[in-house]
N, C-alpha and C. Protein backbone atom coordinates (compact mmCIF):
# COMPACT_ATOMS: atom_id res chain seq x y z
N MET A 1 -43.13 -37.01 45.18
CA MET A 1 -43.33 -35.92 45.57
C MET A 1 -42.27 -34.86 44.44
N GLY A 2 -41.93 -34.16 43.79
CA GLY A 2 -41.20 -33.01 43.31
C GLY A 2 -41.49 -31.84 43.63
N VAL A 3 -41.33 -30.55 43.63
CA VAL A 3 -41.39 -29.28 43.69
C VAL A 3 -42.92 -29.01 43.77
N GLN A 4 -43.66 -28.34 43.52
CA GLN A 4 -44.39 -27.78 42.98
C GLN A 4 -44.75 -25.31 43.65
N ILE A 5 -45.03 -25.18 41.99
CA ILE A 5 -44.15 -24.01 41.81
C ILE A 5 -45.21 -23.06 41.38
N SER A 6 -45.87 -22.06 42.37
CA SER A 6 -46.44 -20.96 41.72
C SER A 6 -45.73 -18.68 42.04
N SER A 7 -46.15 -18.80 40.79
CA SER A 7 -45.55 -17.22 40.77
C SER A 7 -46.41 -16.40 41.22
N ARG A 8 -46.29 -15.23 41.70
CA ARG A 8 -47.27 -13.73 42.35
C ARG A 8 -46.31 -12.82 41.77
N LYS A 9 -47.25 -12.05 41.63
CA LYS A 9 -45.81 -10.83 41.26
C LYS A 9 -47.08 -9.04 42.26
N VAL A 10 -45.55 -9.41 43.53
CA VAL A 10 -45.65 -8.26 44.82
C VAL A 10 -45.17 -6.84 44.47
N GLY A 11 -45.66 -5.89 43.52
CA GLY A 11 -45.06 -4.67 43.00
C GLY A 11 -44.00 -4.99 41.72
N GLU A 12 -42.85 -4.71 42.24
CA GLU A 12 -41.66 -5.50 41.14
C GLU A 12 -41.09 -6.44 41.26
N VAL A 13 -41.81 -6.95 42.42
CA VAL A 13 -40.62 -8.41 42.62
C VAL A 13 -41.64 -9.38 42.56
N ILE A 14 -41.30 -10.36 41.43
CA ILE A 14 -41.53 -12.01 41.53
C ILE A 14 -41.31 -13.20 42.73
N VAL A 15 -42.29 -13.26 43.23
CA VAL A 15 -42.17 -14.19 44.19
C VAL A 15 -42.61 -15.86 43.89
N LEU A 16 -41.64 -16.56 43.76
CA LEU A 16 -41.92 -18.27 44.18
C LEU A 16 -42.03 -19.10 44.80
N ASP A 17 -43.24 -19.10 45.61
CA ASP A 17 -43.87 -20.23 46.48
C ASP A 17 -43.36 -21.09 45.81
N LEU A 18 -42.65 -22.20 46.74
CA LEU A 18 -42.09 -23.51 46.23
C LEU A 18 -42.89 -24.66 47.36
N GLN A 19 -43.58 -25.12 47.44
CA GLN A 19 -44.22 -26.36 47.88
C GLN A 19 -43.46 -28.23 47.56
N GLY A 20 -43.21 -28.59 48.65
CA GLY A 20 -42.74 -30.30 48.08
C GLY A 20 -40.84 -30.27 48.59
N ARG A 21 -40.34 -31.16 47.24
CA ARG A 21 -38.98 -31.24 47.54
C ARG A 21 -38.06 -31.05 46.13
N ALA A 22 -37.21 -30.16 46.64
CA ALA A 22 -36.43 -29.37 45.18
C ALA A 22 -34.84 -30.17 45.41
N THR A 23 -34.92 -31.79 44.88
CA THR A 23 -34.05 -32.99 44.87
C THR A 23 -33.64 -33.00 43.00
N MET A 24 -32.79 -33.27 42.85
CA MET A 24 -32.25 -34.00 42.00
C MET A 24 -33.39 -35.13 41.24
N GLY A 25 -34.15 -34.44 39.57
CA GLY A 25 -34.69 -35.26 38.91
C GLY A 25 -36.33 -33.74 38.25
N ALA A 26 -37.20 -34.33 38.42
CA ALA A 26 -38.33 -33.45 37.78
C ALA A 26 -38.30 -32.06 38.72
N GLY A 27 -38.48 -32.35 39.83
CA GLY A 27 -38.38 -31.09 40.99
C GLY A 27 -37.11 -30.64 40.48
N ASN A 28 -36.23 -30.28 40.56
CA ASN A 28 -35.34 -29.40 40.17
C ASN A 28 -35.43 -29.30 39.07
N ASP A 29 -35.47 -29.93 38.01
CA ASP A 29 -36.09 -29.18 36.66
C ASP A 29 -37.01 -28.42 36.99
N ALA A 30 -38.23 -28.74 37.63
CA ALA A 30 -38.98 -27.23 37.29
C ALA A 30 -38.71 -26.09 37.67
N LEU A 31 -37.95 -26.28 38.95
CA LEU A 31 -37.60 -25.38 39.66
C LEU A 31 -36.40 -24.21 38.55
N SER A 32 -35.36 -25.12 37.72
CA SER A 32 -34.70 -24.53 36.79
C SER A 32 -34.86 -23.76 35.88
N ASN A 33 -36.42 -24.39 35.37
CA ASN A 33 -37.18 -24.01 34.66
C ASN A 33 -37.66 -22.96 34.63
N ALA A 34 -37.95 -22.34 35.70
CA ALA A 34 -38.84 -21.65 36.28
C ALA A 34 -38.07 -20.09 36.77
N LEU A 35 -36.79 -20.55 36.94
CA LEU A 35 -35.79 -19.58 37.84
C LEU A 35 -34.99 -19.35 36.20
N ARG A 36 -34.65 -20.06 35.06
CA ARG A 36 -34.07 -19.69 33.98
C ARG A 36 -35.41 -18.81 32.84
N LYS A 37 -36.07 -18.76 33.25
CA LYS A 37 -37.56 -18.12 32.53
C LYS A 37 -37.12 -16.36 33.07
N LEU A 38 -37.26 -16.67 34.05
CA LEU A 38 -37.19 -15.18 34.74
C LEU A 38 -36.74 -14.62 33.85
N ALA A 39 -35.24 -14.73 34.40
CA ALA A 39 -33.91 -14.01 33.80
C ALA A 39 -34.24 -14.18 32.76
N GLU A 40 -34.51 -14.68 31.39
CA GLU A 40 -34.69 -14.41 30.21
C GLU A 40 -35.75 -13.76 30.03
N ALA A 41 -36.48 -13.22 30.67
CA ALA A 41 -37.87 -12.52 30.52
C ALA A 41 -37.41 -11.40 30.83
N GLY A 42 -36.11 -10.88 31.72
CA GLY A 42 -35.91 -9.78 32.10
C GLY A 42 -36.01 -9.46 33.49
N THR A 43 -36.53 -10.62 34.06
CA THR A 43 -37.02 -9.75 35.64
C THR A 43 -35.88 -9.65 36.50
N ASP A 44 -35.97 -8.97 37.25
CA ASP A 44 -34.96 -8.72 38.06
C ASP A 44 -34.49 -8.71 39.21
N LYS A 45 -35.59 -8.89 39.97
CA LYS A 45 -36.19 -9.05 41.67
C LYS A 45 -36.72 -10.16 41.66
N VAL A 46 -36.32 -11.54 42.24
CA VAL A 46 -36.76 -12.33 42.12
C VAL A 46 -36.44 -12.74 43.85
N LEU A 47 -37.79 -12.96 44.40
CA LEU A 47 -37.73 -13.88 46.16
C LEU A 47 -38.46 -15.25 46.12
N VAL A 48 -37.55 -16.14 46.03
CA VAL A 48 -37.62 -17.91 45.87
C VAL A 48 -37.89 -17.86 47.83
N ASN A 49 -39.46 -18.15 48.07
CA ASN A 49 -40.53 -18.65 49.29
C ASN A 49 -40.01 -20.11 49.41
N LEU A 50 -39.13 -20.43 50.69
CA LEU A 50 -38.47 -21.76 50.36
C LEU A 50 -39.74 -22.35 52.06
N ALA A 51 -40.12 -21.83 52.63
CA ALA A 51 -40.92 -22.55 53.52
C ALA A 51 -42.58 -23.39 53.36
N GLY A 52 -41.96 -23.96 51.83
CA GLY A 52 -43.30 -25.16 52.02
C GLY A 52 -41.95 -26.32 51.25
N VAL A 53 -40.62 -26.15 51.61
CA VAL A 53 -39.43 -26.90 50.88
C VAL A 53 -39.39 -27.69 52.28
N SER A 54 -39.57 -29.22 52.10
CA SER A 54 -38.91 -30.04 52.77
C SER A 54 -37.88 -30.73 52.66
N GLN A 55 -37.58 -31.05 52.10
CA GLN A 55 -35.58 -31.53 51.44
C GLN A 55 -35.38 -30.15 50.07
N MET A 56 -33.99 -30.62 50.24
CA MET A 56 -33.60 -30.04 48.92
C MET A 56 -31.84 -30.10 49.68
N ASP A 57 -31.80 -31.15 47.87
CA ASP A 57 -30.84 -31.70 47.63
C ASP A 57 -29.55 -30.30 47.42
N SER A 58 -27.77 -31.22 46.68
CA SER A 58 -27.54 -30.44 46.15
C SER A 58 -27.45 -30.15 44.69
N SER A 59 -28.29 -30.61 43.93
CA SER A 59 -28.97 -30.48 43.20
C SER A 59 -29.48 -29.41 42.84
N GLY A 60 -30.66 -28.78 43.73
CA GLY A 60 -31.05 -27.58 44.12
C GLY A 60 -31.16 -26.45 44.33
N ILE A 61 -30.04 -27.20 45.85
CA ILE A 61 -28.94 -25.87 45.94
C ILE A 61 -28.24 -24.88 44.60
N SER A 62 -27.56 -25.95 43.78
CA SER A 62 -27.08 -25.33 42.66
C SER A 62 -28.46 -24.60 41.64
N THR A 63 -28.86 -25.31 41.85
CA THR A 63 -29.93 -24.61 40.86
C THR A 63 -29.67 -22.94 41.31
N ILE A 64 -30.16 -22.92 43.33
CA ILE A 64 -30.50 -21.47 43.56
C ILE A 64 -28.63 -20.80 43.26
N VAL A 65 -28.70 -21.47 43.59
CA VAL A 65 -26.59 -20.85 43.16
C VAL A 65 -26.41 -20.08 41.62
N ARG A 66 -26.95 -20.91 41.16
CA ARG A 66 -26.47 -20.55 39.43
C ARG A 66 -28.06 -19.14 38.78
N SER A 67 -28.86 -19.45 39.36
CA SER A 67 -29.69 -18.46 39.48
C SER A 67 -29.39 -17.16 40.16
N PHE A 68 -29.23 -16.97 41.15
CA PHE A 68 -28.74 -16.25 41.90
C PHE A 68 -27.38 -15.59 41.13
N VAL A 69 -26.20 -15.71 40.53
CA VAL A 69 -25.46 -15.70 40.59
C VAL A 69 -25.62 -15.09 38.82
N THR A 70 -26.31 -15.50 37.76
CA THR A 70 -27.34 -15.47 37.18
C THR A 70 -27.98 -13.69 36.92
N LEU A 71 -28.32 -13.50 37.18
CA LEU A 71 -28.87 -12.50 38.13
C LEU A 71 -27.82 -11.69 38.72
N GLU A 72 -27.36 -11.72 39.59
CA GLU A 72 -26.54 -10.56 40.18
C GLU A 72 -25.45 -10.31 39.05
N ARG A 73 -24.60 -11.01 38.17
CA ARG A 73 -23.92 -10.17 37.19
C ARG A 73 -25.22 -8.96 35.97
N ARG A 74 -26.77 -10.27 35.41
CA ARG A 74 -27.59 -8.48 34.58
C ARG A 74 -27.98 -7.56 36.26
N GLY A 75 -27.77 -7.82 37.03
CA GLY A 75 -28.12 -6.71 37.92
C GLY A 75 -29.13 -6.84 38.84
N GLY A 76 -29.37 -7.93 38.45
CA GLY A 76 -30.83 -7.71 39.41
C GLY A 76 -30.19 -8.74 40.61
N LYS A 77 -31.17 -9.32 41.05
CA LYS A 77 -31.38 -9.55 43.05
C LYS A 77 -32.39 -10.80 43.09
N LEU A 78 -31.71 -12.13 43.66
CA LEU A 78 -32.43 -13.23 43.84
C LEU A 78 -32.27 -13.47 45.61
N LYS A 79 -32.89 -13.22 46.52
CA LYS A 79 -33.18 -13.66 47.47
C LYS A 79 -33.63 -15.14 48.30
N LEU A 80 -33.74 -15.33 49.84
CA LEU A 80 -34.86 -16.67 50.19
C LEU A 80 -35.42 -15.70 51.24
N LEU A 81 -36.55 -16.71 51.03
CA LEU A 81 -37.76 -16.81 52.12
C LEU A 81 -37.89 -17.71 53.44
N LYS A 82 -38.37 -17.17 53.82
CA LYS A 82 -38.16 -18.92 54.76
C LYS A 82 -37.96 -20.47 54.77
N PRO A 83 -36.52 -20.42 54.73
CA PRO A 83 -36.20 -21.96 55.03
C PRO A 83 -36.15 -22.21 56.70
N GLY A 84 -36.73 -23.46 56.26
CA GLY A 84 -37.04 -23.74 57.44
C GLY A 84 -35.74 -25.49 58.07
N GLY A 85 -36.15 -26.00 58.83
CA GLY A 85 -35.71 -27.38 58.75
C GLY A 85 -34.73 -27.92 58.14
N HIS A 86 -34.52 -28.94 57.78
CA HIS A 86 -33.42 -29.39 56.81
C HIS A 86 -33.00 -28.97 55.96
N VAL A 87 -34.45 -27.95 55.48
CA VAL A 87 -33.45 -26.60 54.18
C VAL A 87 -32.77 -25.81 54.66
N ARG A 88 -33.03 -25.51 55.87
CA ARG A 88 -32.14 -24.73 56.72
C ARG A 88 -30.87 -24.82 57.45
N GLU A 89 -30.32 -25.92 57.41
CA GLU A 89 -29.40 -26.80 57.88
C GLU A 89 -28.84 -26.82 56.80
N VAL A 90 -29.15 -27.24 55.50
CA VAL A 90 -28.13 -27.12 54.47
C VAL A 90 -27.69 -26.24 53.82
N LEU A 91 -28.89 -25.12 54.02
CA LEU A 91 -28.40 -24.05 53.48
C LEU A 91 -26.61 -23.35 54.53
N GLU A 92 -27.35 -23.49 55.75
CA GLU A 92 -26.13 -23.54 57.10
C GLU A 92 -25.21 -23.90 56.82
N LEU A 93 -24.81 -24.56 56.78
CA LEU A 93 -23.77 -25.96 56.38
C LEU A 93 -23.12 -25.81 55.18
N THR A 94 -24.24 -25.11 54.13
CA THR A 94 -22.98 -24.96 53.25
C THR A 94 -22.49 -22.70 53.08
N ARG A 95 -22.93 -22.46 54.05
CA ARG A 95 -22.67 -21.06 54.04
C ARG A 95 -23.83 -20.41 53.33
N LEU A 96 -24.00 -20.83 52.94
CA LEU A 96 -24.84 -20.61 51.78
C LEU A 96 -26.14 -18.98 52.15
N ILE A 97 -26.36 -19.44 53.65
CA ILE A 97 -27.27 -18.63 54.53
C ILE A 97 -26.41 -17.26 54.30
N HIS A 98 -25.56 -16.98 54.47
CA HIS A 98 -24.29 -15.90 54.36
C HIS A 98 -24.25 -15.13 53.19
N SER A 99 -24.11 -15.58 52.25
CA SER A 99 -24.00 -15.79 50.75
C SER A 99 -25.29 -15.14 50.04
N ILE A 100 -26.36 -15.65 50.09
CA ILE A 100 -27.41 -14.92 49.18
C ILE A 100 -28.53 -14.17 50.64
N PRO A 101 -28.90 -13.49 50.33
CA PRO A 101 -29.98 -12.32 51.48
C PRO A 101 -31.14 -13.46 51.83
N THR A 102 -31.09 -13.82 52.78
CA THR A 102 -31.54 -14.60 53.42
C THR A 102 -33.41 -14.20 54.28
N PHE A 103 -34.22 -14.19 54.72
CA PHE A 103 -35.39 -13.44 55.52
C PHE A 103 -36.82 -14.10 55.77
N ASP A 104 -36.57 -13.98 57.02
CA ASP A 104 -37.78 -15.04 57.88
C ASP A 104 -39.23 -14.49 58.15
N ASP A 105 -39.36 -13.19 57.13
CA ASP A 105 -40.59 -11.99 57.01
C ASP A 105 -40.27 -11.61 55.48
N GLU A 106 -42.11 -11.46 55.08
CA GLU A 106 -42.20 -11.48 53.54
C GLU A 106 -41.79 -9.57 53.60
N SER A 107 -42.77 -9.49 54.36
CA SER A 107 -42.27 -7.71 54.29
C SER A 107 -41.02 -6.75 54.09
N THR A 108 -40.39 -7.70 55.07
CA THR A 108 -39.26 -7.53 54.95
C THR A 108 -37.18 -7.36 54.33
N ALA A 109 -38.67 -8.87 53.46
CA ALA A 109 -37.67 -9.48 52.22
C ALA A 109 -38.21 -8.68 50.93
N LEU A 110 -39.50 -8.52 50.62
CA LEU A 110 -40.07 -7.01 49.73
C LEU A 110 -39.77 -6.00 49.97
N ALA A 111 -38.98 -5.44 51.24
CA ALA A 111 -38.07 -3.62 51.48
C ALA A 111 -37.00 -4.24 51.19
N SER A 112 -36.44 -5.31 51.10
CA SER A 112 -34.99 -4.70 50.96
C SER A 112 -34.46 -4.94 49.09
N PHE A 113 -35.77 -5.03 48.47
CA PHE A 113 -36.08 -5.25 47.20
C PHE A 113 -35.08 -3.50 46.74
N GLY A 114 -36.00 -2.52 47.62
CA GLY A 114 -35.92 -1.06 47.64
C GLY A 114 -36.49 -0.82 46.50
């Protein structure tokens, strides 16, 4: 099973709620396409909710990093919400949890966009 993505708008922030596995193949392709479309549409505030993600490999990490950099260059922000279990371990191991703003509470994450 790949990743299922739903999006919702909270104020000026687009929240992507992910469920499943963000791993090489269809799951990562869907995530990459969703993030690319947001960037192309001029979206500058994106919160990626990882609470429902059970697994993420290097391709999923790469997609998030690439989108983070793309949005930063355009003056936008990408932040992460509620990574848990294996996903949190991967983010900590790669030190991305310290590079990409990461939150455990949605209201705090939303407020951080200002």
